[in-house]
Amino acid sequence: MSGRQRIRKYRRDSRDHLGHQCGQIVLEGHIEHCVREGIEHGDADKTVEDFTKAVERFANMS
């Protein structure tokens, strides 16, 4: 692998890793705020549905 190829791979891997970290932060925030609020207010079905959608979006980031 040439030096340029290694640099491109490193940049691509770094972008993927950063995107994954950002998605994880957003998902954790969703859990801390929205899921907690949904549980506290007793709307479990809607909470599960919203959480499932958030996880699906997070999974599609990879």
N, C-alpha and C. Protein backbone atom coordinates (compact mmCIF):
# COMPACT_ATOMS: atom_id res chain seq x y z
N MET A 1 0.86 -1.17 0.00
CA MET A 1 0.00 0.00 0.00
C MET A 1 0.90 1.24 0.00
N SER A 2 0.60 2.13 -0.89
CA SER A 2 1.41 3.35 -1.00
C SER A 2 1.08 4.31 0.15
N GLY A 3 1.92 5.31 0.30
CA GLY A 3 1.70 6.32 1.34
C GLY A 3 0.38 7.04 1.15
N ARG A 4 0.05 7.37 -0.09
CA ARG A 4 -1.22 8.07 -0.36
C ARG A 4 -2.42 7.20 -0.01
N GLN A 5 -2.32 5.93 -0.34
CA GLN A 5 -3.42 5.01 -0.03
C GLN A 5 -3.61 4.89 1.48
N ARG A 6 -2.51 4.83 2.22
CA ARG A 6 -2.59 4.75 3.68
C ARG A 6 -3.23 6.02 4.25
N ILE A 7 -2.86 7.17 3.70
CA ILE A 7 -3.43 8.44 4.18
C ILE A 7 -4.93 8.47 3.90
N ARG A 8 -5.34 8.07 2.70
CA ARG A 8 -6.77 8.05 2.36
C ARG A 8 -7.53 7.10 3.28
N LYS A 9 -6.97 5.92 3.52
CA LYS A 9 -7.62 4.95 4.41
C LYS A 9 -7.72 5.52 5.82
N TYR A 10 -6.67 6.14 6.30
CA TYR A 10 -6.67 6.73 7.65
C TYR A 10 -7.75 7.80 7.74
N ARG A 11 -7.83 8.65 6.73
CA ARG A 11 -8.85 9.72 6.74
C ARG A 11 -10.25 9.14 6.72
N ARG A 12 -10.47 8.13 5.88
CA ARG A 12 -11.79 7.50 5.78
C ARG A 12 -12.15 6.84 7.12
N ASP A 13 -11.21 6.10 7.69
CA ASP A 13 -11.45 5.45 8.98
C ASP A 13 -11.73 6.47 10.07
N SER A 14 -11.00 7.58 10.05
CA SER A 14 -11.20 8.64 11.05
C SER A 14 -12.58 9.25 10.93
N ARG A 15 -13.02 9.52 9.69
CA ARG A 15 -14.36 10.07 9.47
C ARG A 15 -15.44 9.11 9.95
N ASP A 16 -15.26 7.82 9.63
CA ASP A 16 -16.23 6.81 10.06
C ASP A 16 -16.31 6.76 11.58
N HIS A 17 -15.16 6.79 12.21
CA HIS A 17 -15.10 6.72 13.68
C HIS A 17 -15.76 7.96 14.30
N LEU A 18 -15.47 9.12 13.75
CA LEU A 18 -16.05 10.36 14.26
C LEU A 18 -17.56 10.35 14.09
N GLY A 19 -18.04 9.90 12.92
CA GLY A 19 -19.49 9.82 12.70
C GLY A 19 -20.15 8.87 13.68
N HIS A 20 -19.48 7.76 13.95
CA HIS A 20 -20.02 6.80 14.91
C HIS A 20 -20.08 7.41 16.31
N GLN A 21 -19.03 8.11 16.69
CA GLN A 21 -19.02 8.75 18.02
C GLN A 21 -20.13 9.79 18.14
N CYS A 22 -20.32 10.59 17.10
CA CYS A 22 -21.37 11.61 17.13
C CYS A 22 -22.75 10.96 17.25
N GLY A 23 -22.96 9.89 16.48
CA GLY A 23 -24.22 9.17 16.55
C GLY A 23 -24.46 8.59 17.93
N GLN A 24 -23.41 8.09 18.53
CA GLN A 24 -23.53 7.52 19.87
C GLN A 24 -23.91 8.60 20.88
N ILE A 25 -23.32 9.77 20.76
CA ILE A 25 -23.64 10.87 21.66
C ILE A 25 -25.10 11.29 21.51
N VAL A 26 -25.56 11.37 20.26
CA VAL A 26 -26.96 11.74 20.02
C VAL A 26 -27.89 10.68 20.59
N LEU A 27 -27.56 9.41 20.38
CA LEU A 27 -28.39 8.33 20.89
C LEU A 27 -28.43 8.34 22.42
N GLU A 28 -27.28 8.56 23.05
CA GLU A 28 -27.24 8.63 24.51
C GLU A 28 -28.09 9.80 25.03
N GLY A 29 -28.03 10.93 24.33
CA GLY A 29 -28.85 12.07 24.71
C GLY A 29 -30.33 11.76 24.59
N HIS A 30 -30.69 11.03 23.54
CA HIS A 30 -32.08 10.63 23.34
C HIS A 30 -32.54 9.74 24.49
N ILE A 31 -31.68 8.81 24.89
CA ILE A 31 -32.03 7.93 25.99
C ILE A 31 -32.20 8.73 27.28
N GLU A 32 -31.23 9.60 27.55
CA GLU A 32 -31.27 10.36 28.80
C GLU A 32 -32.47 11.29 28.89
N HIS A 33 -32.86 11.87 27.78
CA HIS A 33 -33.95 12.86 27.82
C HIS A 33 -35.29 12.26 27.41
N CYS A 34 -35.39 11.83 26.17
CA CYS A 34 -36.68 11.42 25.62
C CYS A 34 -37.19 10.11 26.22
N VAL A 35 -36.32 9.12 26.32
CA VAL A 35 -36.75 7.84 26.86
C VAL A 35 -37.12 7.99 28.34
N ARG A 36 -36.29 8.69 29.07
CA ARG A 36 -36.59 8.91 30.49
C ARG A 36 -37.93 9.62 30.65
N GLU A 37 -38.16 10.66 29.85
CA GLU A 37 -39.42 11.41 29.93
C GLU A 37 -40.60 10.53 29.57
N GLY A 38 -40.44 9.71 28.53
CA GLY A 38 -41.52 8.80 28.13
C GLY A 38 -41.87 7.80 29.21
N ILE A 39 -40.85 7.30 29.89
CA ILE A 39 -41.09 6.35 30.98
C ILE A 39 -41.77 7.05 32.15
N GLU A 40 -41.29 8.24 32.50
CA GLU A 40 -41.86 8.96 33.63
C GLU A 40 -43.31 9.34 33.41
N HIS A 41 -43.68 9.62 32.16
CA HIS A 41 -45.04 10.04 31.86
C HIS A 41 -45.94 8.89 31.44
N GLY A 42 -45.40 7.68 31.47
CA GLY A 42 -46.22 6.49 31.27
C GLY A 42 -46.62 6.16 29.85
N ASP A 43 -46.00 6.75 28.85
CA ASP A 43 -46.34 6.43 27.46
C ASP A 43 -45.31 5.44 26.92
N ALA A 44 -45.34 4.22 27.44
CA ALA A 44 -44.32 3.22 27.14
C ALA A 44 -44.31 2.82 25.67
N ASP A 45 -45.47 2.63 25.06
CA ASP A 45 -45.51 2.20 23.65
C ASP A 45 -44.87 3.24 22.73
N LYS A 46 -45.21 4.48 22.93
CA LYS A 46 -44.64 5.56 22.11
C LYS A 46 -43.14 5.69 22.37
N THR A 47 -42.74 5.51 23.62
CA THR A 47 -41.33 5.60 23.98
C THR A 47 -40.54 4.51 23.29
N VAL A 48 -41.04 3.29 23.30
CA VAL A 48 -40.36 2.17 22.64
C VAL A 48 -40.29 2.41 21.14
N GLU A 49 -41.36 2.87 20.55
CA GLU A 49 -41.39 3.15 19.11
C GLU A 49 -40.35 4.22 18.74
N ASP A 50 -40.31 5.30 19.48
CA ASP A 50 -39.35 6.37 19.20
C ASP A 50 -37.92 5.90 19.41
N PHE A 51 -37.69 5.13 20.46
CA PHE A 51 -36.35 4.64 20.74
C PHE A 51 -35.90 3.69 19.63
N THR A 52 -36.80 2.83 19.17
CA THR A 52 -36.48 1.91 18.09
C THR A 52 -36.07 2.67 16.83
N LYS A 53 -36.79 3.72 16.51
CA LYS A 53 -36.46 4.54 15.35
C LYS A 53 -35.07 5.18 15.51
N ALA A 54 -34.78 5.66 16.70
CA ALA A 54 -33.47 6.28 16.95
C ALA A 54 -32.35 5.27 16.79
N VAL A 55 -32.55 4.06 17.29
CA VAL A 55 -31.54 3.01 17.15
C VAL A 55 -31.35 2.65 15.68
N GLU A 56 -32.44 2.57 14.93
CA GLU A 56 -32.34 2.26 13.50
C GLU A 56 -31.55 3.33 12.76
N ARG A 57 -31.78 4.60 13.08
CA ARG A 57 -31.02 5.68 12.44
C ARG A 57 -29.56 5.57 12.80
N PHE A 58 -29.27 5.28 14.06
CA PHE A 58 -27.90 5.12 14.52
C PHE A 58 -27.23 3.96 13.79
N ALA A 59 -27.93 2.85 13.65
CA ALA A 59 -27.36 1.67 12.99
C ALA A 59 -27.09 1.95 11.52
N ASN A 60 -27.89 2.76 10.89
CA ASN A 60 -27.70 3.07 9.46
C ASN A 60 -26.52 4.02 9.22
N MET A 61 -25.99 4.61 10.28
CA MET A 61 -24.85 5.51 10.13
C MET A 61 -23.57 4.74 9.83
N SER A 62 -23.54 3.49 10.19
CA SER A 62 -22.32 2.70 10.02
C SER A 62 -22.05 2.37 8.58
